[in-house]
Amino acid sequence: MRYRLTFIAGLALGYVLGTRAGRERYEKLKKSAREIAQNPAVRNTAESAAQQTRNVAGKAFHSVSEKVESKVPDSVAGRVRTLRERGGSTDDATTDDWGTSNT
């Protein structure tokens, strides 16, 4: 419920800014957002958060798959086993198939 309210509030804010500010204000906001996104400190923080999320997701995947494996059909358990083996170590930066880089 909290996420729906946040989404609706963001939608309303976007609508108000879009209708009242006009094209000039939109371009100014877009330029500011681009400058923030290109800031090295912001990029490093975002990459660190993404890496940490990948590590946690990998650990959760392994933990859940080990617990669930005995309770699912053999065909599904085999697929989970294959995914786990293919994933290898989550700490290895060379096996990153999430589409991000270590810049």
PDB file of N, CA and C in Angstrom:
ATOM      1  N   MET A   1       0.823  -1.188   0.000  1.00  0.00           N
ATOM      2  CA  MET A   1       0.000   0.000   0.000  1.00  0.00           C
ATOM      3  C   MET A   1       0.872   1.259   0.000  1.00  0.00           C
ATOM      4  N   ARG A   2       1.955   1.221   0.751  1.00  0.00           N
ATOM      5  CA  ARG A   2       2.848   2.366   0.836  1.00  0.00           C
ATOM      6  C   ARG A   2       3.457   2.687  -0.531  1.00  0.00           C
ATOM      7  N   TYR A   3       3.789   1.639  -1.296  1.00  0.00           N
ATOM      8  CA  TYR A   3       4.387   1.837  -2.607  1.00  0.00           C
ATOM      9  C   TYR A   3       3.382   2.435  -3.585  1.00  0.00           C
ATOM     10  N   ARG A   4       2.124   2.042  -3.453  1.00  0.00           N
ATOM     11  CA  ARG A   4       1.093   2.615  -4.317  1.00  0.00           C
ATOM     12  C   ARG A   4       0.921   4.103  -4.036  1.00  0.00           C
ATOM     13  N   LEU A   5       0.925   4.442  -2.759  1.00  0.00           N
ATOM     14  CA  LEU A   5       0.782   5.857  -2.398  1.00  0.00           C
ATOM     15  C   LEU A   5       1.978   6.668  -2.898  1.00  0.00           C
ATOM     16  N   THR A   6       3.178   6.105  -2.779  1.00  0.00           N
ATOM     17  CA  THR A   6       4.374   6.783  -3.271  1.00  0.00           C
ATOM     18  C   THR A   6       4.293   6.975  -4.779  1.00  0.00           C
ATOM     19  N   PHE A   7       3.862   5.937  -5.480  1.00  0.00           N
ATOM     20  CA  PHE A   7       3.734   6.025  -6.926  1.00  0.00           C
ATOM     21  C   PHE A   7       2.713   7.086  -7.322  1.00  0.00           C
ATOM     22  N   ILE A   8       1.571   7.097  -6.661  1.00  0.00           N
ATOM     23  CA  ILE A   8       0.523   8.064  -6.970  1.00  0.00           C
ATOM     24  C   ILE A   8       0.989   9.485  -6.674  1.00  0.00           C
ATOM     25  N   ALA A   9       1.718   9.658  -5.564  1.00  0.00           N
ATOM     26  CA  ALA A   9       2.241  10.983  -5.228  1.00  0.00           C
ATOM     27  C   ALA A   9       3.247  11.435  -6.287  1.00  0.00           C
ATOM     28  N   GLY A  10       4.115  10.538  -6.735  1.00  0.00           N
ATOM     29  CA  GLY A  10       5.073  10.873  -7.787  1.00  0.00           C
ATOM     30  C   GLY A  10       4.391  11.206  -9.099  1.00  0.00           C
ATOM     31  N   LEU A  11       3.358  10.454  -9.417  1.00  0.00           N
ATOM     32  CA  LEU A  11       2.589  10.712 -10.629  1.00  0.00           C
ATOM     33  C   LEU A  11       1.934  12.094 -10.570  1.00  0.00           C
ATOM     34  N   ALA A  12       1.356  12.403  -9.431  1.00  0.00           N
ATOM     35  CA  ALA A  12       0.705  13.700  -9.265  1.00  0.00           C
ATOM     36  C   ALA A  12       1.729  14.835  -9.355  1.00  0.00           C
ATOM     37  N   LEU A  13       2.872  14.665  -8.720  1.00  0.00           N
ATOM     38  CA  LEU A  13       3.925  15.677  -8.767  1.00  0.00           C
ATOM     39  C   LEU A  13       4.408  15.881 -10.201  1.00  0.00           C
ATOM     40  N   GLY A  14       4.612  14.802 -10.913  1.00  0.00           N
ATOM     41  CA  GLY A  14       5.033  14.892 -12.302  1.00  0.00           C
ATOM     42  C   GLY A  14       4.011  15.611 -13.160  1.00  0.00           C
ATOM     43  N   TYR A  15       2.755  15.326 -12.920  1.00  0.00           N
ATOM     44  CA  TYR A  15       1.691  15.984 -13.678  1.00  0.00           C
ATOM     45  C   TYR A  15       1.675  17.491 -13.412  1.00  0.00           C
ATOM     46  N   VAL A  16       1.773  17.841 -12.131  1.00  0.00           N
ATOM     47  CA  VAL A  16       1.741  19.263 -11.765  1.00  0.00           C
ATOM     48  C   VAL A  16       2.945  19.990 -12.353  1.00  0.00           C
ATOM     49  N   LEU A  17       4.123  19.400 -12.210  1.00  0.00           N
ATOM     50  CA  LEU A  17       5.317  20.034 -12.768  1.00  0.00           C
ATOM     51  C   LEU A  17       5.215  20.144 -14.284  1.00  0.00           C
ATOM     52  N   GLY A  18       4.692  19.129 -14.913  1.00  0.00           N
ATOM     53  CA  GLY A  18       4.591  19.124 -16.363  1.00  0.00           C
ATOM     54  C   GLY A  18       3.604  20.141 -16.893  1.00  0.00           C
ATOM     55  N   THR A  19       2.496  20.306 -16.209  1.00  0.00           N
ATOM     56  CA  THR A  19       1.482  21.218 -16.725  1.00  0.00           C
ATOM     57  C   THR A  19       1.762  22.666 -16.382  1.00  0.00           C
ATOM     58  N   ARG A  20       2.356  22.919 -15.258  1.00  0.00           N
ATOM     59  CA  ARG A  20       2.579  24.309 -14.839  1.00  0.00           C
ATOM     60  C   ARG A  20       3.902  24.876 -15.327  1.00  0.00           C
ATOM     61  N   ALA A  21       4.913  24.040 -15.395  1.00  0.00           N
ATOM     62  CA  ALA A  21       6.240  24.553 -15.675  1.00  0.00           C
ATOM     63  C   ALA A  21       6.494  24.788 -17.158  1.00  0.00           C
ATOM     64  N   GLY A  22       5.944  23.984 -17.995  1.00  0.00           N
ATOM     65  CA  GLY A  22       6.166  24.147 -19.426  1.00  0.00           C
ATOM     66  C   GLY A  22       7.473  23.540 -19.887  1.00  0.00           C
ATOM     67  N   ARG A  23       7.759  23.704 -21.150  1.00  0.00           N
ATOM     68  CA  ARG A  23       8.916  23.080 -21.794  1.00  0.00           C
ATOM     69  C   ARG A  23      10.246  23.584 -21.233  1.00  0.00           C
ATOM     70  N   GLU A  24      10.352  24.855 -20.951  1.00  0.00           N
ATOM     71  CA  GLU A  24      11.607  25.426 -20.456  1.00  0.00           C
ATOM     72  C   GLU A  24      12.007  24.799 -19.116  1.00  0.00           C
ATOM     73  N   ARG A  25      11.058  24.722 -18.223  1.00  0.00           N
ATOM     74  CA  ARG A  25      11.331  24.127 -16.914  1.00  0.00           C
ATOM     75  C   ARG A  25      11.668  22.647 -17.052  1.00  0.00           C
ATOM     76  N   TYR A  26      10.985  21.974 -17.964  1.00  0.00           N
ATOM     77  CA  TYR A  26      11.262  20.557 -18.214  1.00  0.00           C
ATOM     78  C   TYR A  26      12.706  20.363 -18.670  1.00  0.00           C
ATOM     79  N   GLU A  27      13.153  21.178 -19.594  1.00  0.00           N
ATOM     80  CA  GLU A  27      14.531  21.080 -20.089  1.00  0.00           C
ATOM     81  C   GLU A  27      15.536  21.358 -18.975  1.00  0.00           C
ATOM     82  N   LYS A  28      15.226  22.307 -18.110  1.00  0.00           N
ATOM     83  CA  LYS A  28      16.110  22.630 -16.988  1.00  0.00           C
ATOM     84  C   LYS A  28      16.190  21.450 -16.011  1.00  0.00           C
ATOM     85  N   LEU A  29      15.050  20.834 -15.700  1.00  0.00           N
ATOM     86  CA  LEU A  29      15.035  19.661 -14.823  1.00  0.00           C
ATOM     87  C   LEU A  29      15.801  18.501 -15.449  1.00  0.00           C
ATOM     88  N   LYS A  30      15.622  18.315 -16.754  1.00  0.00           N
ATOM     89  CA  LYS A  30      16.306  17.231 -17.461  1.00  0.00           C
ATOM     90  C   LYS A  30      17.824  17.427 -17.417  1.00  0.00           C
ATOM     91  N   LYS A  31      18.272  18.670 -17.602  1.00  0.00           N
ATOM     92  CA  LYS A  31      19.701  18.976 -17.563  1.00  0.00           C
ATOM     93  C   LYS A  31      20.262  18.714 -16.161  1.00  0.00           C
ATOM     94  N   SER A  32      19.527  19.134 -15.130  1.00  0.00           N
ATOM     95  CA  SER A  32      19.966  18.905 -13.754  1.00  0.00           C
ATOM     96  C   SER A  32      20.047  17.415 -13.443  1.00  0.00           C
ATOM     97  N   ALA A  33      19.061  16.658 -13.885  1.00  0.00           N
ATOM     98  CA  ALA A  33      19.059  15.210 -13.645  1.00  0.00           C
ATOM     99  C   ALA A  33      20.237  14.550 -14.350  1.00  0.00           C
ATOM    100  N   ARG A  34      20.550  14.983 -15.550  1.00  0.00           N
ATOM    101  CA  ARG A  34      21.671  14.424 -16.294  1.00  0.00           C
ATOM    102  C   ARG A  34      22.983  14.726 -15.577  1.00  0.00           C
ATOM    103  N   GLU A  35      23.139  15.962 -15.082  1.00  0.00           N
ATOM    104  CA  GLU A  35      24.362  16.339 -14.365  1.00  0.00           C
ATOM    105  C   GLU A  35      24.543  15.514 -13.104  1.00  0.00           C
ATOM    106  N   ILE A  36      23.451  15.296 -12.391  1.00  0.00           N
ATOM    107  CA  ILE A  36      23.511  14.472 -11.176  1.00  0.00           C
ATOM    108  C   ILE A  36      23.881  13.042 -11.526  1.00  0.00           C
ATOM    109  N   ALA A  37      23.265  12.495 -12.567  1.00  0.00           N
ATOM    110  CA  ALA A  37      23.525  11.110 -12.958  1.00  0.00           C
ATOM    111  C   ALA A  37      24.958  10.914 -13.439  1.00  0.00           C
ATOM    112  N   GLN A  38      25.576  11.943 -13.987  1.00  0.00           N
ATOM    113  CA  GLN A  38      26.946  11.830 -14.487  1.00  0.00           C
ATOM    114  C   GLN A  38      27.996  12.158 -13.436  1.00  0.00           C
ATOM    115  N   ASN A  39      27.573  12.556 -12.259  1.00  0.00           N
ATOM    116  CA  ASN A  39      28.493  12.852 -11.170  1.00  0.00           C
ATOM    117  C   ASN A  39      29.202  11.557 -10.756  1.00  0.00           C
ATOM    118  N   PRO A  40      30.540  11.560 -10.698  1.00  0.00           N
ATOM    119  CA  PRO A  40      31.275  10.345 -10.349  1.00  0.00           C
ATOM    120  C   PRO A  40      30.895   9.771  -8.972  1.00  0.00           C
ATOM    121  N   ALA A  41      30.619  10.627  -8.017  1.00  0.00           N
ATOM    122  CA  ALA A  41      30.248  10.131  -6.689  1.00  0.00           C
ATOM    123  C   ALA A  41      28.911   9.395  -6.742  1.00  0.00           C
ATOM    124  N   VAL A  42      27.958   9.936  -7.503  1.00  0.00           N
ATOM    125  CA  VAL A  42      26.657   9.291  -7.642  1.00  0.00           C
ATOM    126  C   VAL A  42      26.810   7.975  -8.386  1.00  0.00           C
ATOM    127  N   ARG A  43      27.609   7.967  -9.448  1.00  0.00           N
ATOM    128  CA  ARG A  43      27.820   6.742 -10.230  1.00  0.00           C
ATOM    129  C   ARG A  43      28.473   5.657  -9.390  1.00  0.00           C
ATOM    130  N   ASN A  44      29.490   6.031  -8.593  1.00  0.00           N
ATOM    131  CA  ASN A  44      30.163   5.049  -7.740  1.00  0.00           C
ATOM    132  C   ASN A  44      29.207   4.487  -6.686  1.00  0.00           C
ATOM    133  N   THR A  45      28.402   5.352  -6.093  1.00  0.00           N
ATOM    134  CA  THR A  45      27.439   4.902  -5.095  1.00  0.00           C
ATOM    135  C   THR A  45      26.413   3.965  -5.715  1.00  0.00           C
ATOM    136  N   ALA A  46      25.929   4.308  -6.888  1.00  0.00           N
ATOM    137  CA  ALA A  46      24.949   3.457  -7.570  1.00  0.00           C
ATOM    138  C   ALA A  46      25.558   2.111  -7.931  1.00  0.00           C
ATOM    139  N   GLU A  47      26.789   2.106  -8.399  1.00  0.00           N
ATOM    140  CA  GLU A  47      27.451   0.845  -8.750  1.00  0.00           C
ATOM    141  C   GLU A  47      27.705  -0.004  -7.510  1.00  0.00           C
ATOM    142  N   SER A  48      28.089   0.635  -6.407  1.00  0.00           N
ATOM    143  CA  SER A  48      28.289  -0.112  -5.162  1.00  0.00           C
ATOM    144  C   SER A  48      26.986  -0.746  -4.688  1.00  0.00           C
ATOM    145  N   ALA A  49      25.916   0.017  -4.767  1.00  0.00           N
ATOM    146  CA  ALA A  49      24.607  -0.512  -4.374  1.00  0.00           C
ATOM    147  C   ALA A  49      24.193  -1.663  -5.287  1.00  0.00           C
ATOM    148  N   ALA A  50      24.443  -1.536  -6.584  1.00  0.00           N
ATOM    149  CA  ALA A  50      24.098  -2.595  -7.527  1.00  0.00           C
ATOM    150  C   ALA A  50      24.908  -3.852  -7.250  1.00  0.00           C
ATOM    151  N   GLN A  51      26.198  -3.699  -6.976  1.00  0.00           N
ATOM    152  CA  GLN A  51      27.055  -4.847  -6.679  1.00  0.00           C
ATOM    153  C   GLN A  51      26.607  -5.533  -5.395  1.00  0.00           C
ATOM    154  N   GLN A  52      26.300  -4.756  -4.385  1.00  0.00           N
ATOM    155  CA  GLN A  52      25.837  -5.311  -3.121  1.00  0.00           C
ATOM    156  C   GLN A  52      24.510  -6.044  -3.301  1.00  0.00           C
ATOM    157  N   THR A  53      23.630  -5.484  -4.117  1.00  0.00           N
ATOM    158  CA  THR A  53      22.349  -6.121  -4.404  1.00  0.00           C
ATOM    159  C   THR A  53      22.556  -7.439  -5.129  1.00  0.00           C
ATOM    160  N   ARG A  54      23.471  -7.470  -6.104  1.00  0.00           N
ATOM    161  CA  ARG A  54      23.755  -8.718  -6.820  1.00  0.00           C
ATOM    162  C   ARG A  54      24.272  -9.786  -5.864  1.00  0.00           C
ATOM    163  N   ASN A  55      25.156  -9.395  -4.942  1.00  0.00           N
ATOM    164  CA  ASN A  55      25.694 -10.360  -3.985  1.00  0.00           C
ATOM    165  C   ASN A  55      24.600 -10.927  -3.079  1.00  0.00           C
ATOM    166  N   VAL A  56      23.751 -10.049  -2.565  1.00  0.00           N
ATOM    167  CA  VAL A  56      22.667 -10.479  -1.684  1.00  0.00           C
ATOM    168  C   VAL A  56      21.671 -11.361  -2.452  1.00  0.00           C
ATOM    169  N   ALA A  57      21.355 -10.965  -3.681  1.00  0.00           N
ATOM    170  CA  ALA A  57      20.421 -11.749  -4.495  1.00  0.00           C
ATOM    171  C   ALA A  57      20.989 -13.130  -4.790  1.00  0.00           C
ATOM    172  N   GLY A  58      22.275 -13.192  -5.058  1.00  0.00           N
ATOM    173  CA  GLY A  58      22.910 -14.497  -5.312  1.00  0.00           C
ATOM    174  C   GLY A  58      22.861 -15.391  -4.095  1.00  0.00           C
ATOM    175  N   LYS A  59      23.154 -14.832  -2.935  1.00  0.00           N
ATOM    176  CA  LYS A  59      23.097 -15.624  -1.697  1.00  0.00           C
ATOM    177  C   LYS A  59      21.674 -16.084  -1.408  1.00  0.00           C
ATOM    178  N   ALA A  60      20.720 -15.195  -1.618  1.00  0.00           N
ATOM    179  CA  ALA A  60      19.314 -15.556  -1.391  1.00  0.00           C
ATOM    180  C   ALA A  60      18.885 -16.641  -2.365  1.00  0.00           C
ATOM    181  N   PHE A  61      19.312 -16.547  -3.615  1.00  0.00           N
ATOM    182  CA  PHE A  61      18.975 -17.554  -4.611  1.00  0.00           C
ATOM    183  C   PHE A  61      19.481 -18.922  -4.184  1.00  0.00           C
ATOM    184  N   HIS A  62      20.739 -18.993  -3.758  1.00  0.00           N
ATOM    185  CA  HIS A  62      21.311 -20.266  -3.343  1.00  0.00           C
ATOM    186  C   HIS A  62      20.607 -20.811  -2.103  1.00  0.00           C
ATOM    187  N   SER A  63      20.345 -19.957  -1.150  1.00  0.00           N
ATOM    188  CA  SER A  63      19.682 -20.384   0.083  1.00  0.00           C
ATOM    189  C   SER A  63      18.283 -20.915  -0.192  1.00  0.00           C
ATOM    190  N   VAL A  64      17.515 -20.182  -0.961  1.00  0.00           N
ATOM    191  CA  VAL A  64      16.145 -20.597  -1.258  1.00  0.00           C
ATOM    192  C   VAL A  64      16.139 -21.853  -2.118  1.00  0.00           C
ATOM    193  N   SER A  65      17.015 -21.925  -3.112  1.00  0.00           N
ATOM    194  CA  SER A  65      17.022 -23.084  -3.997  1.00  0.00           C
ATOM    195  C   SER A  65      17.388 -24.362  -3.245  1.00  0.00           C
ATOM    196  N   GLU A  66      18.285 -24.266  -2.264  1.00  0.00           N
ATOM    197  CA  GLU A  66      18.634 -25.446  -1.474  1.00  0.00           C
ATOM    198  C   GLU A  66      17.453 -25.922  -0.633  1.00  0.00           C
ATOM    199  N   LYS A  67      16.686 -24.993  -0.081  1.00  0.00           N
ATOM    200  CA  LYS A  67      15.549 -25.357   0.762  1.00  0.00           C
ATOM    201  C   LYS A  67      14.370 -25.876  -0.053  1.00  0.00           C
ATOM    202  N   VAL A  68      14.176 -25.326  -1.238  1.00  0.00           N
ATOM    203  CA  VAL A  68      13.007 -25.660  -2.051  1.00  0.00           C
ATOM    204  C   VAL A  68      13.262 -26.890  -2.928  1.00  0.00           C
ATOM    205  N   GLU A  69      14.506 -27.161  -3.217  1.00  0.00           N
ATOM    206  CA  GLU A  69      14.865 -28.210  -4.169  1.00  0.00           C
ATOM    207  C   GLU A  69      14.236 -29.560  -3.842  1.00  0.00           C
ATOM    208  N   SER A  70      14.172 -29.923  -2.578  1.00  0.00           N
ATOM    209  CA  SER A  70      13.630 -31.231  -2.202  1.00  0.00           C
ATOM    210  C   SER A  70      12.104 -31.275  -2.292  1.00  0.00           C
ATOM    211  N   LYS A  71      11.454 -30.138  -2.466  1.00  0.00           N
ATOM    212  CA  LYS A  71       9.996 -30.080  -2.460  1.00  0.00           C
ATOM    213  C   LYS A  71       9.394 -29.832  -3.839  1.00  0.00           C
ATOM    214  N   VAL A  72      10.216 -29.852  -4.879  1.00  0.00           N
ATOM    215  CA  VAL A  72       9.724 -29.611  -6.231  1.00  0.00           C
ATOM    216  C   VAL A  72       9.986 -30.837  -7.101  1.00  0.00           C
ATOM    217  N   PRO A  73       9.314 -30.954  -8.238  1.00  0.00           N
ATOM    218  CA  PRO A  73       9.551 -32.090  -9.137  1.00  0.00           C
ATOM    219  C   PRO A  73      11.005 -32.155  -9.594  1.00  0.00           C
ATOM    220  N   ASP A  74      11.435 -33.340  -9.990  1.00  0.00           N
ATOM    221  CA  ASP A  74      12.830 -33.551 -10.385  1.00  0.00           C
ATOM    222  C   ASP A  74      13.258 -32.660 -11.548  1.00  0.00           C
ATOM    223  N   SER A  75      12.350 -32.430 -12.498  1.00  0.00           N
ATOM    224  CA  SER A  75      12.720 -31.602 -13.648  1.00  0.00           C
ATOM    225  C   SER A  75      13.043 -30.170 -13.218  1.00  0.00           C
ATOM    226  N   VAL A  76      12.271 -29.636 -12.302  1.00  0.00           N
ATOM    227  CA  VAL A  76      12.509 -28.282 -11.805  1.00  0.00           C
ATOM    228  C   VAL A  76      13.774 -28.265 -10.943  1.00  0.00           C
ATOM    229  N   ALA A  77      13.959 -29.270 -10.114  1.00  0.00           N
ATOM    230  CA  ALA A  77      15.157 -29.344  -9.270  1.00  0.00           C
ATOM    231  C   ALA A  77      16.410 -29.409 -10.126  1.00  0.00           C
ATOM    232  N   GLY A  78      16.351 -30.137 -11.238  1.00  0.00           N
ATOM    233  CA  GLY A  78      17.491 -30.217 -12.143  1.00  0.00           C
ATOM    234  C   GLY A  78      17.811 -28.870 -12.754  1.00  0.00           C
ATOM    235  N   ARG A  79      16.784 -28.131 -13.115  1.00  0.00           N
ATOM    236  CA  ARG A  79      16.985 -26.788 -13.690  1.00  0.00           C
ATOM    237  C   ARG A  79      17.604 -25.841 -12.662  1.00  0.00           C
ATOM    238  N   VAL A  80      17.131 -25.916 -11.438  1.00  0.00           N
ATOM    239  CA  VAL A  80      17.688 -25.079 -10.367  1.00  0.00           C
ATOM    240  C   VAL A  80      19.150 -25.434 -10.143  1.00  0.00           C
ATOM    241  N   ARG A  81      19.463 -26.724 -10.129  1.00  0.00           N
ATOM    242  CA  ARG A  81      20.840 -27.173  -9.954  1.00  0.00           C
ATOM    243  C   ARG A  81      21.723 -26.626 -11.081  1.00  0.00           C
ATOM    244  N   THR A  82      21.212 -26.664 -12.310  1.00  0.00           N
ATOM    245  CA  THR A  82      21.966 -26.159 -13.458  1.00  0.00           C
ATOM    246  C   THR A  82      22.228 -24.666 -13.316  1.00  0.00           C
ATOM    247  N   LEU A  83      21.211 -23.924 -12.917  1.00  0.00           N
ATOM    248  CA  LEU A  83      21.385 -22.482 -12.729  1.00  0.00           C
ATOM    249  C   LEU A  83      22.395 -22.183 -11.637  1.00  0.00           C
ATOM    250  N   ARG A  84      22.340 -22.938 -10.557  1.00  0.00           N
ATOM    251  CA  ARG A  84      23.266 -22.719  -9.448  1.00  0.00           C
ATOM    252  C   ARG A  84      24.698 -22.987  -9.888  1.00  0.00           C
ATOM    253  N   GLU A  85      24.912 -24.059 -10.631  1.00  0.00           N
ATOM    254  CA  GLU A  85      26.255 -24.407 -11.090  1.00  0.00           C
ATOM    255  C   GLU A  85      26.763 -23.403 -12.120  1.00  0.00           C
ATOM    256  N   ARG A  86      25.881 -22.954 -12.998  1.00  0.00           N
ATOM    257  CA  ARG A  86      26.275 -21.987 -14.018  1.00  0.00           C
ATOM    258  C   ARG A  86      26.657 -20.664 -13.384  1.00  0.00           C
ATOM    259  N   GLY A  87      25.947 -20.282 -12.323  1.00  0.00           N
ATOM    260  CA  GLY A  87      26.202 -19.002 -11.662  1.00  0.00           C
ATOM    261  C   GLY A  87      27.566 -18.932 -11.040  1.00  0.00           C
ATOM    262  N   GLY A  88      28.090 -20.044 -10.586  1.00  0.00           N
ATOM    263  CA  GLY A  88      29.409 -20.063  -9.967  1.00  0.00           C
ATOM    264  C   GLY A  88      29.451 -19.185  -8.741  1.00  0.00           C
ATOM    265  N   SER A  89      30.534 -18.489  -8.582  1.00  0.00           N
ATOM    266  CA  SER A  89      30.724 -17.601  -7.448  1.00  0.00           C
ATOM    267  C   SER A  89      30.112 -16.246  -7.741  1.00  0.00           C
ATOM    268  N   THR A  90      29.383 -15.702  -6.787  1.00  0.00           N
ATOM    269  CA  THR A  90      28.796 -14.370  -6.962  1.00  0.00           C
ATOM    270  C   THR A  90      29.829 -13.278  -6.719  1.00  0.00           C
ATOM    271  N   ASP A  91      30.981 -13.627  -6.176  1.00  0.00           N
ATOM    272  CA  ASP A  91      32.016 -12.637  -5.902  1.00  0.00           C
ATOM    273  C   ASP A  91      32.870 -12.358  -7.126  1.00  0.00           C
ATOM    274  N   ASP A  92      32.799 -13.205  -8.150  1.00  0.00           N
ATOM    275  CA  ASP A  92      33.632 -13.068  -9.332  1.00  0.00           C
ATOM    276  C   ASP A  92      33.035 -12.027 -10.267  1.00  0.00           C
ATOM    277  N   ALA A  93      33.735 -10.935 -10.495  1.00  0.00           N
ATOM    278  CA  ALA A  93      33.209  -9.848 -11.316  1.00  0.00           C
ATOM    279  C   ALA A  93      33.149 -10.220 -12.793  1.00  0.00           C
ATOM    280  N   THR A  94      33.887 -11.261 -13.210  1.00  0.00           N
ATOM    281  CA  THR A  94      33.885 -11.639 -14.617  1.00  0.00           C
ATOM    282  C   THR A  94      32.626 -12.392 -15.006  1.00  0.00           C
ATOM    283  N   THR A  95      31.843 -12.890 -14.064  1.00  0.00           N
ATOM    284  CA  THR A  95      30.624 -13.632 -14.383  1.00  0.00           C
ATOM    285  C   THR A  95      29.397 -12.755 -14.221  1.00  0.00           C
ATOM    286  N   ASP A  96      29.562 -11.485 -14.489  1.00  0.00           N
ATOM    287  CA  ASP A  96      28.465 -10.531 -14.342  1.00  0.00           C
ATOM    288  C   ASP A  96      27.593 -10.539 -15.584  1.00  0.00           C
ATOM    289  N   ASP A  97      26.390 -11.155 -15.508  1.00  0.00           N
ATOM    290  CA  ASP A  97      25.488 -11.112 -16.649  1.00  0.00           C
ATOM    291  C   ASP A  97      24.307 -10.207 -16.351  1.00  0.00           C
ATOM    292  N   TRP A  98      24.492  -9.190 -15.534  1.00  0.00           N
ATOM    293  CA  TRP A  98      23.414  -8.269 -15.188  1.00  0.00           C
ATOM    294  C   TRP A  98      23.443  -7.030 -16.083  1.00  0.00           C
ATOM    295  N   GLY A  99      24.438  -6.898 -16.916  1.00  0.00           N
ATOM    296  CA  GLY A  99      24.477  -5.777 -17.834  1.00  0.00           C
ATOM    297  C   GLY A  99      25.074  -4.507 -17.257  1.00  0.00           C
ATOM    298  N   THR A 100      25.777  -4.626 -16.158  1.00  0.00           N
ATOM    299  CA  THR A 100      26.409  -3.439 -15.580  1.00  0.00           C
ATOM    300  C   THR A 100      27.911  -3.582 -15.698  1.00  0.00           C
ATOM    301  N   SER A 101      28.605  -2.502 -15.512  1.00  0.00           N
ATOM    302  CA  SER A 101      30.066  -2.535 -15.590  1.00  0.00           C
ATOM    303  C   SER A 101      30.647  -2.090 -14.263  1.00  0.00           C
ATOM    304  N   ASN A 102      31.911  -2.335 -14.103  1.00  0.00           N
ATOM    305  CA  ASN A 102      32.603  -1.929 -12.878  1.00  0.00           C
ATOM    306  C   ASN A 102      33.371  -0.649 -13.124  1.00  0.00           C
ATOM    307  N   THR A 103      32.658   0.404 -13.505  1.00  0.00           N
ATOM    308  CA  THR A 103      33.322   1.675 -13.782  1.00  0.00           C
ATOM    309  C   THR A 103      33.294   2.567 -12.595  1.00  0.00           C
TER     310      THR A 103
END
